[in-house]
Amino acid sequence: MKKSSGAEKKRVKRQSGSIQNGTRDSNSDTPPRKQAAKKDVFQLFAEKVRDHKDLISRWAVLQETRVEYFRGKDFVSFLRNHPELKEILESDRNLEVEDIVNSLLRKNLLLRCDRVVKTVRPGKKKLSTWPAHLEIFPDQVFSEIDAFFAWTFVKRRPLWQTLLSFFWPVLTLAICLFPVYPHGIKLIVFYICAGVLILIISLLLFRLAIFGALWIILGKRVWFFPNILAEEVTLRELFQFWPKKDEEERPKWTARLFFAVLAVLFILLLRHHAPDEAARARYQKRVSNIIDDVLEWSPRLALSGMMEKQQPVVDVSEPANGFTDGSKASPGEAVSPDDTDGETVSDQPGNGDDAGTRLNDDDDQQGDQDRT
């Protein structure tokens, strides 16, 4: 009996050990990388959704920080049209949209926000669809009705942005070295910059003329390229051609008539003060001379001009060093009154010995005259 009971205890211990080893083996079958991946499935899902082009998003200011955000109803329609993205969640692929967003909120991948301006501005019929300023909403749960959600993680920078960050210093250095470029390259750069500047000014004047004509005639506000002067838009939205829907009230006919008369008077004033052909030719010549001076400048010409402007410098100390003990006198130099008895020496050049002999001869002649 004792032997049988001891054998049973050993069997129980072996079975319990095998069960524990089995559980350990089952846990060890999943490597730590896969376990980490399971923990970050929502992170991967958030990155994939944010990089997708079909999710409509905008940029706004949240507590002095620019954030990218989307609307709740747009997120619901996005997941309805792209259900394959839920496969990233693996075991949580069957969750509803509300549960997925709430999980992202709990993991601090999203932040629910609210518009700062909650009242309709004067002259508008409703609130802005995409507000430019946001604030944190106190209740961090998902909602489709006028709810905004901002991404909290830093978006991965694409390769072209990294290359562009290295390109900007090179472009700055190239702009600084423009004066030393060859003349042909200067012409190419000049015409390209002038063409781009003329294109931008023409585009702005064209859209302003269309807006003014449609506003005066039809009373509608139509801005082509509506985001061309916006600050917080993406590059794709910056060149959006079609105008946005006019949500403001229709202007009064008196205001339209007043601005129509003002526009006609402005056009007549410009036509009356337009320059004639001679003034235009003078102005064109002046501008062309300025452009030629800029394009033809080179360091060699600048150095040659500086050398021509320099005046010859006379060393004053050189003649003074050549005179020793009064042996040489400069032209027109006066002699001391004690040596000449009130007389001055001639301006002709000569050494000191010749001057002394001439003075002695004059004294001898004066003495002979006194004796006679």
Protein backbone atom coordinates (compact mmCIF):
# COMPACT_ATOMS: atom_id res chain seq x y z
CA MET A 1 0.00 0.00 0.00
CA LYS A 2 2.76 2.40 0.88
CA LYS A 3 4.62 1.65 -2.34
CA SER A 4 1.49 2.20 -4.46
CA SER A 5 0.75 5.52 -2.70
CA GLY A 6 4.36 6.67 -3.26
CA ALA A 7 4.16 5.78 -6.97
CA GLU A 8 0.90 7.71 -7.31
CA LYS A 9 2.50 10.80 -5.74
CA LYS A 10 5.39 10.59 -8.19
CA ARG A 11 2.94 10.30 -11.10
CA VAL A 12 1.02 13.37 -9.89
CA LYS A 13 4.25 15.39 -9.60
CA ARG A 14 5.32 14.33 -13.10
CA GLN A 15 1.94 15.25 -14.56
CA SER A 16 1.93 18.63 -12.84
CA GLY A 17 5.50 19.25 -14.08
CA SER A 18 4.58 18.30 -17.62
CA ILE A 19 1.55 20.61 -17.50
CA GLN A 20 3.71 23.49 -16.31
CA ASN A 21 6.31 22.73 -18.97
CA GLY A 22 3.54 22.57 -21.57
CA THR A 23 2.25 25.95 -20.57
CA ARG A 24 5.78 27.36 -20.66
CA ASP A 25 6.36 25.85 -24.08
CA SER A 26 3.10 27.26 -25.39
CA ASN A 27 4.06 30.71 -24.12
CA SER A 28 7.56 30.37 -25.47
CA ASP A 29 6.20 29.52 -28.93
CA THR A 30 5.35 33.19 -29.46
CA PRO A 31 8.60 35.13 -29.66
CA PRO A 32 8.90 38.46 -27.84
CA ARG A 33 8.86 40.40 -31.11
CA LYS A 34 5.41 39.10 -31.95
CA GLN A 35 4.20 39.91 -28.46
CA ALA A 36 5.51 43.45 -28.86
CA ALA A 37 3.81 43.65 -32.24
CA LYS A 38 0.52 42.60 -30.65
CA LYS A 39 0.87 45.41 -28.17
CA ASP A 40 1.52 47.96 -30.94
CA VAL A 41 -1.21 46.97 -33.36
CA PHE A 42 -3.14 50.14 -32.60
CA GLN A 43 0.00 52.19 -33.18
CA LEU A 44 0.48 50.53 -36.56
CA PHE A 45 -3.21 51.01 -37.34
CA ALA A 46 -3.03 54.71 -36.44
CA GLU A 47 0.04 55.27 -38.62
CA LYS A 48 -1.56 53.46 -41.55
CA VAL A 49 -4.80 55.43 -41.26
CA ARG A 50 -3.01 58.75 -40.92
CA ASP A 51 -0.91 58.14 -44.03
CA HIS A 52 -3.94 57.14 -46.08
CA LYS A 53 -4.94 59.80 -48.60
CA ASP A 54 -8.69 59.07 -48.43
CA LEU A 55 -9.04 60.26 -44.84
CA ILE A 56 -9.88 63.97 -45.02
CA SER A 57 -7.88 65.96 -42.51
CA ARG A 58 -6.81 69.53 -41.85
CA TRP A 59 -4.28 71.42 -39.75
CA ALA A 60 -5.19 73.68 -36.84
CA VAL A 61 -3.66 75.33 -33.78
CA LEU A 62 -4.16 73.52 -30.46
CA GLN A 63 -2.64 75.32 -27.47
CA GLU A 64 -0.03 77.11 -29.62
CA THR A 65 0.84 73.85 -31.41
CA ARG A 66 -0.08 72.88 -34.98
CA VAL A 67 -1.87 69.53 -35.09
CA GLU A 68 -3.48 67.44 -37.80
CA TYR A 69 -7.10 66.52 -37.10
CA PHE A 70 -10.14 64.90 -38.70
CA ARG A 71 -13.87 64.78 -38.06
CA GLY A 72 -15.66 61.87 -36.42
CA LYS A 73 -18.15 61.36 -39.23
CA ASP A 74 -15.36 61.30 -41.81
CA PHE A 75 -13.58 58.55 -39.84
CA VAL A 76 -16.72 56.41 -39.79
CA SER A 77 -17.20 56.68 -43.56
CA PHE A 78 -13.48 56.07 -44.11
CA LEU A 79 -13.48 52.73 -42.22
CA ARG A 80 -16.71 51.75 -43.94
CA ASN A 81 -15.06 52.23 -47.34
CA HIS A 82 -11.77 50.60 -46.29
CA PRO A 83 -12.55 47.62 -44.05
CA GLU A 84 -9.27 45.94 -44.98
CA LEU A 85 -7.43 48.28 -42.60
CA LYS A 86 -9.04 46.50 -39.66
CA GLU A 87 -6.94 43.43 -40.46
CA ILE A 88 -4.00 45.26 -38.85
CA LEU A 89 -5.74 44.97 -35.49
CA GLU A 90 -5.57 41.14 -35.72
CA SER A 91 -7.70 39.84 -32.81
CA ASP A 92 -9.51 43.20 -32.50
CA ARG A 93 -10.49 43.37 -36.15
CA ASN A 94 -14.18 42.86 -35.32
CA LEU A 95 -14.45 45.89 -33.09
CA GLU A 96 -16.84 48.66 -33.97
CA VAL A 97 -15.62 52.08 -35.07
CA GLU A 98 -16.56 53.60 -31.73
CA ASP A 99 -14.57 50.97 -29.81
CA ILE A 100 -11.55 51.40 -32.07
CA VAL A 101 -11.48 55.17 -31.58
CA ASN A 102 -11.97 54.80 -27.83
CA SER A 103 -9.01 52.42 -27.74
CA LEU A 104 -6.91 54.98 -29.63
CA LEU A 105 -7.99 57.62 -27.14
CA ARG A 106 -7.01 55.43 -24.17
CA LYS A 107 -3.60 54.78 -25.71
CA ASN A 108 -3.08 58.56 -26.21
CA LEU A 109 -2.82 58.18 -29.96
CA LEU A 110 -5.78 60.48 -30.45
CA LEU A 111 -7.12 63.49 -28.62
CA ARG A 112 -10.67 64.72 -28.90
CA CYS A 113 -10.90 68.46 -29.50
CA ASP A 114 -13.54 71.12 -29.81
CA ARG A 115 -13.73 74.37 -31.72
CA VAL A 116 -12.70 77.54 -29.89
CA VAL A 117 -15.22 79.81 -31.64
CA LYS A 118 -18.65 78.35 -30.89
CA THR A 119 -20.77 81.23 -32.19
CA VAL A 120 -21.57 82.14 -35.76
CA ARG A 121 -19.57 85.12 -36.93
CA PRO A 122 -21.38 88.16 -38.35
CA GLY A 123 -22.14 87.78 -42.04
CA LYS A 124 -22.05 83.95 -42.00
CA LYS A 125 -24.87 81.44 -41.86
CA LYS A 126 -23.19 78.64 -39.92
CA LEU A 127 -20.03 77.66 -38.13
CA SER A 128 -16.86 76.87 -40.02
CA THR A 129 -16.59 73.30 -41.25
CA TRP A 130 -12.89 73.13 -40.44
CA PRO A 131 -11.98 75.48 -37.58
CA ALA A 132 -8.48 76.90 -37.47
CA HIS A 133 -8.23 76.94 -33.66
CA LEU A 134 -9.08 74.03 -31.37
CA GLU A 135 -9.17 73.27 -27.67
CA ILE A 136 -9.18 70.02 -25.68
CA PHE A 137 -12.62 68.51 -25.11
CA PRO A 138 -13.20 67.43 -21.47
CA ASP A 139 -14.95 64.12 -22.29
CA GLN A 140 -12.52 61.91 -24.23
CA VAL A 141 -14.99 59.57 -25.94
CA PHE A 142 -15.92 59.05 -29.56
CA SER A 143 -18.75 60.98 -31.18
CA GLU A 144 -19.80 61.68 -34.76
CA ILE A 145 -21.67 64.92 -34.12
CA ASP A 146 -19.38 67.93 -34.49
CA ALA A 147 -16.42 66.07 -32.96
CA PHE A 148 -12.80 66.58 -33.96
CA PHE A 149 -9.90 64.23 -33.22
CA ALA A 150 -6.22 65.26 -33.42
CA TRP A 151 -3.28 62.92 -33.84
CA THR A 152 -0.86 63.09 -30.91
CA PHE A 153 2.11 61.11 -32.26
CA VAL A 154 4.77 62.49 -34.56
CA LYS A 155 4.26 61.49 -38.15
CA ARG A 156 7.06 59.68 -39.89
CA ARG A 157 8.90 62.03 -42.19
CA PRO A 158 9.00 60.85 -45.82
CA LEU A 159 12.23 60.59 -47.76
CA TRP A 160 11.61 63.68 -49.91
CA GLN A 161 11.26 65.88 -46.81
CA THR A 162 14.58 64.59 -45.47
CA LEU A 163 16.28 65.34 -48.77
CA LEU A 164 14.66 68.75 -48.87
CA SER A 165 16.01 69.60 -45.41
CA PHE A 166 19.54 69.03 -46.74
CA PHE A 167 18.77 70.97 -49.90
CA TRP A 168 17.79 74.25 -48.19
CA PRO A 169 21.31 75.12 -46.91
CA VAL A 170 22.73 74.41 -50.37
CA LEU A 171 20.09 76.68 -51.93
CA THR A 172 20.90 79.44 -49.44
CA LEU A 173 24.60 79.22 -50.24
CA ALA A 174 23.84 79.28 -53.97
CA ILE A 175 21.78 82.46 -53.55
CA CYS A 176 24.62 84.14 -51.65
CA LEU A 177 27.09 83.22 -54.43
CA PHE A 178 24.89 84.64 -57.21
CA PRO A 179 27.18 87.69 -57.89
CA VAL A 180 30.10 85.45 -58.87
CA TYR A 181 28.12 83.29 -61.33
CA PRO A 182 28.96 83.41 -65.05
CA HIS A 183 26.90 85.80 -67.13
CA GLY A 184 24.90 83.06 -68.86
CA ILE A 185 23.84 81.43 -65.58
CA LYS A 186 22.89 84.85 -64.21
CA LEU A 187 20.59 85.39 -67.17
CA ILE A 188 18.94 81.98 -66.68
CA VAL A 189 18.35 82.56 -62.95
CA PHE A 190 17.11 86.10 -63.58
CA TYR A 191 14.56 85.11 -66.23
CA ILE A 192 13.31 82.16 -64.17
CA CYS A 193 12.78 84.32 -61.07
CA ALA A 194 11.18 87.11 -63.10
CA GLY A 195 8.86 84.62 -64.80
CA VAL A 196 7.76 83.07 -61.49
CA LEU A 197 7.16 86.52 -59.98
CA ILE A 198 5.12 87.67 -62.98
CA LEU A 199 3.11 84.42 -62.86
CA ILE A 200 2.25 84.90 -59.18
CA ILE A 201 1.25 88.55 -59.63
CA SER A 202 -0.82 87.74 -62.73
CA LEU A 203 -2.59 84.91 -60.90
CA LEU A 204 -3.49 87.15 -57.96
CA LEU A 205 -4.75 89.94 -60.22
CA PHE A 206 -6.71 87.45 -62.35
CA ARG A 207 -8.53 85.91 -59.39
CA LEU A 208 -9.19 89.38 -57.95
CA ALA A 209 -10.71 90.57 -61.25
CA ILE A 210 -12.97 87.49 -61.46
CA PHE A 211 -14.04 87.88 -57.85
CA GLY A 212 -14.84 91.57 -58.32
CA ALA A 213 -16.80 91.02 -61.54
CA LEU A 214 -18.90 88.15 -60.14
CA TRP A 215 -19.45 89.97 -56.84
CA ILE A 216 -20.70 93.13 -58.58
CA ILE A 217 -22.80 91.40 -61.26
CA LEU A 218 -24.17 88.31 -59.46
CA GLY A 219 -23.55 89.15 -55.81
CA LYS A 220 -21.60 85.90 -55.23
CA ARG A 221 -18.20 85.44 -53.69
CA VAL A 222 -16.16 83.18 -55.95
CA TRP A 223 -12.45 82.80 -55.26
CA PHE A 224 -10.50 80.59 -57.62
CA PHE A 225 -7.44 79.10 -55.90
CA PRO A 226 -9.07 79.82 -52.52
CA ASN A 227 -6.09 78.60 -50.46
CA ILE A 228 -3.32 80.33 -52.40
CA LEU A 229 -2.82 82.88 -49.59
CA ALA A 230 -3.61 80.55 -46.69
CA GLU A 231 -0.98 79.81 -44.05
CA GLU A 232 -1.96 76.48 -42.49
CA VAL A 233 -2.71 74.22 -45.46
CA THR A 234 -0.92 71.38 -47.14
CA LEU A 235 0.84 71.67 -50.48
CA ARG A 236 -1.99 69.87 -52.25
CA GLU A 237 -4.62 72.16 -50.74
CA LEU A 238 -2.55 75.23 -51.58
CA PHE A 239 -3.09 74.76 -55.34
CA GLN A 240 -6.74 73.77 -55.13
CA PHE A 241 -8.43 75.40 -58.15
CA TRP A 242 -12.16 75.12 -57.56
CA PRO A 243 -13.66 77.67 -55.17
CA LYS A 244 -15.39 76.84 -51.94
CA LYS A 245 -19.10 77.15 -51.40
CA ASP A 246 -20.22 80.66 -50.46
CA GLU A 247 -21.66 80.45 -46.94
CA GLU A 248 -22.03 84.18 -46.29
CA GLU A 249 -25.03 86.41 -46.84
CA ARG A 250 -25.62 88.02 -50.20
CA PRO A 251 -24.33 91.63 -50.33
CA LYS A 252 -26.72 94.55 -50.73
CA TRP A 253 -27.24 96.12 -54.15
CA THR A 254 -26.20 99.54 -52.84
CA ALA A 255 -22.78 98.23 -51.82
CA ARG A 256 -22.36 96.49 -55.18
CA LEU A 257 -23.31 99.69 -57.05
CA PHE A 258 -20.91 101.78 -54.96
CA PHE A 259 -17.96 99.50 -55.65
CA ALA A 260 -18.86 99.32 -59.34
CA VAL A 261 -18.69 103.13 -59.62
CA LEU A 262 -15.46 103.12 -57.61
CA ALA A 263 -13.91 100.56 -59.96
CA VAL A 264 -14.87 102.58 -63.04
CA LEU A 265 -13.36 105.75 -61.57
CA PHE A 266 -10.16 103.89 -60.69
CA ILE A 267 -9.81 102.55 -64.25
CA LEU A 268 -10.39 106.04 -65.73
CA LEU A 269 -7.81 107.51 -63.34
CA LEU A 270 -5.21 104.96 -64.38
CA ARG A 271 -5.93 105.61 -68.04
CA HIS A 272 -5.62 109.39 -67.60
CA HIS A 273 -2.28 109.16 -65.81
CA ALA A 274 -0.84 106.43 -67.98
CA PRO A 275 2.73 107.26 -69.16
CA ASP A 276 3.31 108.14 -72.79
CA GLU A 277 5.65 106.32 -75.14
CA ALA A 278 8.65 108.54 -74.39
CA ALA A 279 8.28 108.15 -70.61
CA ARG A 280 7.87 104.42 -71.01
CA ALA A 281 11.04 104.23 -73.11
CA ARG A 282 12.99 106.24 -70.53
CA TYR A 283 11.79 104.04 -67.72
CA GLN A 284 12.59 100.88 -69.66
CA LYS A 285 16.10 102.15 -70.40
CA ARG A 286 16.67 103.02 -66.76
CA VAL A 287 15.50 99.61 -65.58
CA SER A 288 17.58 97.84 -68.23
CA ASN A 289 20.67 99.75 -67.12
CA ILE A 290 20.07 98.69 -63.51
CA ILE A 291 19.61 95.07 -64.58
CA ASP A 292 22.77 95.19 -66.71
CA ASP A 293 24.76 96.57 -63.78
CA VAL A 294 23.59 93.69 -61.61
CA LEU A 295 24.20 90.98 -64.20
CA GLU A 296 27.56 92.25 -65.45
CA TRP A 297 29.07 92.74 -61.99
CA SER A 298 32.04 90.56 -61.18
CA PRO A 299 34.76 90.59 -58.50
CA ARG A 300 37.41 91.41 -61.15
CA LEU A 301 35.56 94.55 -62.25
CA ALA A 302 34.98 95.55 -58.66
CA LEU A 303 38.67 95.20 -57.80
CA SER A 304 39.77 97.13 -60.91
CA GLY A 305 37.38 99.95 -60.08
CA MET A 306 38.70 100.12 -56.53
CA MET A 307 42.31 100.31 -57.80
CA GLU A 308 41.45 103.18 -60.16
CA LYS A 309 39.81 105.13 -57.36
CA GLN A 310 42.87 104.88 -55.11
CA GLN A 311 45.05 108.07 -55.02
CA PRO A 312 48.91 107.86 -54.99
CA VAL A 313 50.25 108.18 -51.46
CA VAL A 314 53.37 110.43 -50.94
CA ASP A 315 55.76 109.43 -48.20
CA VAL A 316 56.52 112.66 -46.32
CA SER A 317 59.26 111.11 -44.21
CA GLU A 318 61.47 110.25 -47.23
CA PRO A 319 62.85 113.78 -48.08
CA ALA A 320 63.29 114.61 -44.41
CA ASN A 321 65.45 111.56 -43.90
CA GLY A 322 67.62 112.58 -46.88
CA PHE A 323 68.66 115.86 -45.27
CA THR A 324 71.56 115.59 -42.85
CA ASP A 325 72.76 118.50 -40.75
CA GLY A 326 71.33 121.08 -43.13
CA SER A 327 73.51 119.95 -46.01
CA LYS A 328 70.46 120.04 -48.37
CA ALA A 329 67.74 122.60 -48.48
CA SER A 330 64.32 122.30 -50.08
CA PRO A 331 63.25 124.80 -52.75
CA GLY A 332 61.99 128.08 -51.37
CA GLU A 333 63.27 127.33 -47.91
CA ALA A 334 64.06 130.47 -45.87
CA VAL A 335 67.41 130.88 -44.12
CA SER A 336 67.71 131.93 -40.52
CA PRO A 337 67.99 135.73 -40.05
CA ASP A 338 71.18 135.33 -37.96
CA ASP A 339 73.02 133.77 -40.90
CA THR A 340 71.80 136.12 -43.63
CA ASP A 341 71.36 139.44 -41.71
CA GLY A 342 67.79 139.83 -42.87
CA GLU A 343 68.37 138.53 -46.40
CA THR A 344 66.89 135.39 -47.92
CA VAL A 345 68.57 132.79 -50.03
CA SER A 346 67.57 132.36 -53.67
CA ASP A 347 65.12 129.63 -54.60
CA GLN A 348 67.64 127.99 -56.91
CA PRO A 349 68.84 124.62 -55.74
CA GLY A 350 72.31 124.32 -54.26
CA ASN A 351 74.23 122.79 -51.43
CA GLY A 352 75.14 124.48 -48.18
CA ASP A 353 78.82 125.20 -49.17
CA ASP A 354 77.85 127.18 -52.29
CA ALA A 355 75.47 129.29 -50.27
CA GLY A 356 78.19 130.04 -47.69
CA THR A 357 80.76 131.12 -50.35
CA ARG A 358 78.24 133.43 -51.97
CA LEU A 359 77.59 135.13 -48.64
CA ASN A 360 81.34 135.61 -48.02
CA ASP A 361 81.80 137.16 -51.46
CA ASP A 362 79.01 139.62 -50.75
CA ASP A 363 80.70 140.65 -47.45
CA ASP A 364 84.08 141.22 -49.20
CA GLN A 365 82.47 143.41 -51.85
CA GLN A 366 80.73 145.47 -49.16
CA GLY A 367 84.06 145.99 -47.34
CA ASP A 368 85.85 147.18 -50.53
CA GLN A 369 83.13 149.75 -51.15
CA ASP A 370 83.51 151.11 -47.59
CA ARG A 371 87.30 151.55 -48.03
CA THR A 372 86.89 153.53 -51.24
